[in-house]
């Protein structure tokens, strides 16, 4: 078992690029996500994702928490 998912990276930026596209008759610019990631261990398996994975277990924990909050519980019903 490893460390699991965690946020990493430096020099993160999201900028308009110089490459153009045309879609449905409208022109625009592609955008670029730039970042630097250091891989500290040889032969590690690393995954890069836009966001943390949201699992079925995560959903179940969230819903259990909602049911304990009076304001939210009044609007949510599990069946």
C-alpha atoms as a PDB file:
ATOM      1  CA  UNK A   1       0.000   0.000   0.000  1.00  0.00           C
ATOM      2  CA  UNK A   2       1.331   3.384  -0.964  1.00  0.00           C
ATOM      3  CA  UNK A   3       0.590   6.937  -0.029  1.00  0.00           C
ATOM      4  CA  UNK A   4      -2.602   7.124  -2.061  1.00  0.00           C
ATOM      5  CA  UNK A   5      -3.889  10.153  -3.935  1.00  0.00           C
ATOM      6  CA  UNK A   6      -2.504  13.533  -2.979  1.00  0.00           C
ATOM      7  CA  UNK A   7      -2.022  16.948  -4.514  1.00  0.00           C
ATOM      8  CA  UNK A   8       1.374  17.628  -6.006  1.00  0.00           C
ATOM      9  CA  UNK A   9       3.016  19.917  -8.499  1.00  0.00           C
ATOM     10  CA  UNK A  10       4.541  23.343  -8.749  1.00  0.00           C
ATOM     11  CA  UNK A  11       4.404  26.242 -11.173  1.00  0.00           C
ATOM     12  CA  UNK A  12       0.771  25.468 -12.015  1.00  0.00           C
ATOM     13  CA  UNK A  13      -0.880  27.780 -14.544  1.00  0.00           C
ATOM     14  CA  UNK A  14      -3.804  27.728 -16.970  1.00  0.00           C
ATOM     15  CA  UNK A  15      -3.323  30.126 -19.860  1.00  0.00           C
ATOM     16  CA  UNK A  16      -4.667  30.899 -23.292  1.00  0.00           C
ATOM     17  CA  UNK A  17      -2.390  29.448 -25.925  1.00  0.00           C
ATOM     18  CA  UNK A  18      -1.495  30.675 -29.382  1.00  0.00           C
ATOM     19  CA  UNK A  19      -3.080  27.780 -31.282  1.00  0.00           C
ATOM     20  CA  UNK A  20      -6.432  28.690 -32.805  1.00  0.00           C
ATOM     21  CA  UNK A  21      -9.519  26.619 -33.570  1.00  0.00           C
ATOM     22  CA  UNK A  22     -12.805  27.192 -35.362  1.00  0.00           C
ATOM     23  CA  UNK A  23     -15.985  25.519 -34.140  1.00  0.00           C
ATOM     24  CA  UNK A  24     -19.445  26.204 -35.545  1.00  0.00           C
ATOM     25  CA  UNK A  25     -18.067  29.201 -37.415  1.00  0.00           C
ATOM     26  CA  UNK A  26     -16.567  30.788 -34.287  1.00  0.00           C
ATOM     27  CA  UNK A  27     -12.828  31.134 -33.720  1.00  0.00           C
ATOM     28  CA  UNK A  28     -11.120  30.706 -30.398  1.00  0.00           C
ATOM     29  CA  UNK A  29      -7.846  29.836 -28.714  1.00  0.00           C
ATOM     30  CA  UNK A  30      -6.963  26.551 -27.099  1.00  0.00           C
ATOM     31  CA  UNK A  31      -5.926  26.826 -23.456  1.00  0.00           C
ATOM     32  CA  UNK A  32      -2.967  25.114 -21.840  1.00  0.00           C
ATOM     33  CA  UNK A  33      -2.486  23.666 -18.382  1.00  0.00           C
ATOM     34  CA  UNK A  34       1.172  23.796 -17.370  1.00  0.00           C
ATOM     35  CA  UNK A  35       2.739  22.281 -14.277  1.00  0.00           C
ATOM     36  CA  UNK A  36       5.897  20.679 -12.940  1.00  0.00           C
ATOM     37  CA  UNK A  37       5.832  17.358 -11.097  1.00  0.00           C
ATOM     38  CA  UNK A  38       8.807  15.666  -9.458  1.00  0.00           C
ATOM     39  CA  UNK A  39       8.792  11.882  -9.241  1.00  0.00           C
ATOM     40  CA  UNK A  40      10.928  11.108  -6.189  1.00  0.00           C
ATOM     41  CA  UNK A  41      11.011   7.305  -6.414  1.00  0.00           C
ATOM     42  CA  UNK A  42      12.366   5.130  -9.195  1.00  0.00           C
ATOM     43  CA  UNK A  43       9.897   2.611 -10.662  1.00  0.00           C
ATOM     44  CA  UNK A  44       6.894   4.162  -8.898  1.00  0.00           C
ATOM     45  CA  UNK A  45       3.515   4.113 -10.598  1.00  0.00           C
ATOM     46  CA  UNK A  46       2.110   7.640 -10.713  1.00  0.00           C
ATOM     47  CA  UNK A  47      -1.211   8.854 -12.065  1.00  0.00           C
ATOM     48  CA  UNK A  48      -1.993  12.455 -12.967  1.00  0.00           C
ATOM     49  CA  UNK A  49      -5.641  13.469 -12.777  1.00  0.00           C
ATOM     50  CA  UNK A  50      -7.591  16.693 -13.016  1.00  0.00           C
ATOM     51  CA  UNK A  51      -9.181  15.959  -9.648  1.00  0.00           C
ATOM     52  CA  UNK A  52      -9.194  13.315  -6.953  1.00  0.00           C
ATOM     53  CA  UNK A  53     -11.128  10.170  -7.858  1.00  0.00           C
ATOM     54  CA  UNK A  54     -14.613  10.230  -6.320  1.00  0.00           C
ATOM     55  CA  UNK A  55     -15.516   6.677  -5.385  1.00  0.00           C
ATOM     56  CA  UNK A  56     -18.777   4.995  -4.439  1.00  0.00           C
ATOM     57  CA  UNK A  57     -17.466   4.844  -0.862  1.00  0.00           C
ATOM     58  CA  UNK A  58     -16.864   8.616  -0.937  1.00  0.00           C
ATOM     59  CA  UNK A  59     -20.471   9.120  -2.045  1.00  0.00           C
ATOM     60  CA  UNK A  60     -21.797   6.865   0.731  1.00  0.00           C
ATOM     61  CA  UNK A  61     -19.804   8.773   3.379  1.00  0.00           C
ATOM     62  CA  UNK A  62     -21.072  12.098   2.008  1.00  0.00           C
ATOM     63  CA  UNK A  63     -24.695  10.925   2.054  1.00  0.00           C
ATOM     64  CA  UNK A  64     -24.326   9.582   5.601  1.00  0.00           C
ATOM     65  CA  UNK A  65     -23.030  13.002   6.674  1.00  0.00           C
ATOM     66  CA  UNK A  66     -25.919  14.788   4.938  1.00  0.00           C
ATOM     67  CA  UNK A  67     -28.447  12.712   6.859  1.00  0.00           C
ATOM     68  CA  UNK A  68     -27.002  13.939  10.185  1.00  0.00           C
ATOM     69  CA  UNK A  69     -27.378  17.635   9.271  1.00  0.00           C
ATOM     70  CA  UNK A  70     -30.916  18.791  10.027  1.00  0.00           C
ATOM     71  CA  UNK A  71     -31.168  21.441   7.283  1.00  0.00           C
ATOM     72  CA  UNK A  72     -29.885  19.093   4.574  1.00  0.00           C
ATOM     73  CA  UNK A  73     -31.656  15.998   5.904  1.00  0.00           C
ATOM     74  CA  UNK A  74     -35.004  17.788   5.502  1.00  0.00           C
ATOM     75  CA  UNK A  75     -34.346  17.968   1.740  1.00  0.00           C
ATOM     76  CA  UNK A  76     -32.885  14.517   1.168  1.00  0.00           C
ATOM     77  CA  UNK A  77     -34.564  11.150   1.360  1.00  0.00           C
ATOM     78  CA  UNK A  78     -32.859   7.801   0.917  1.00  0.00           C
ATOM     79  CA  UNK A  79     -34.923   4.920  -0.392  1.00  0.00           C
END
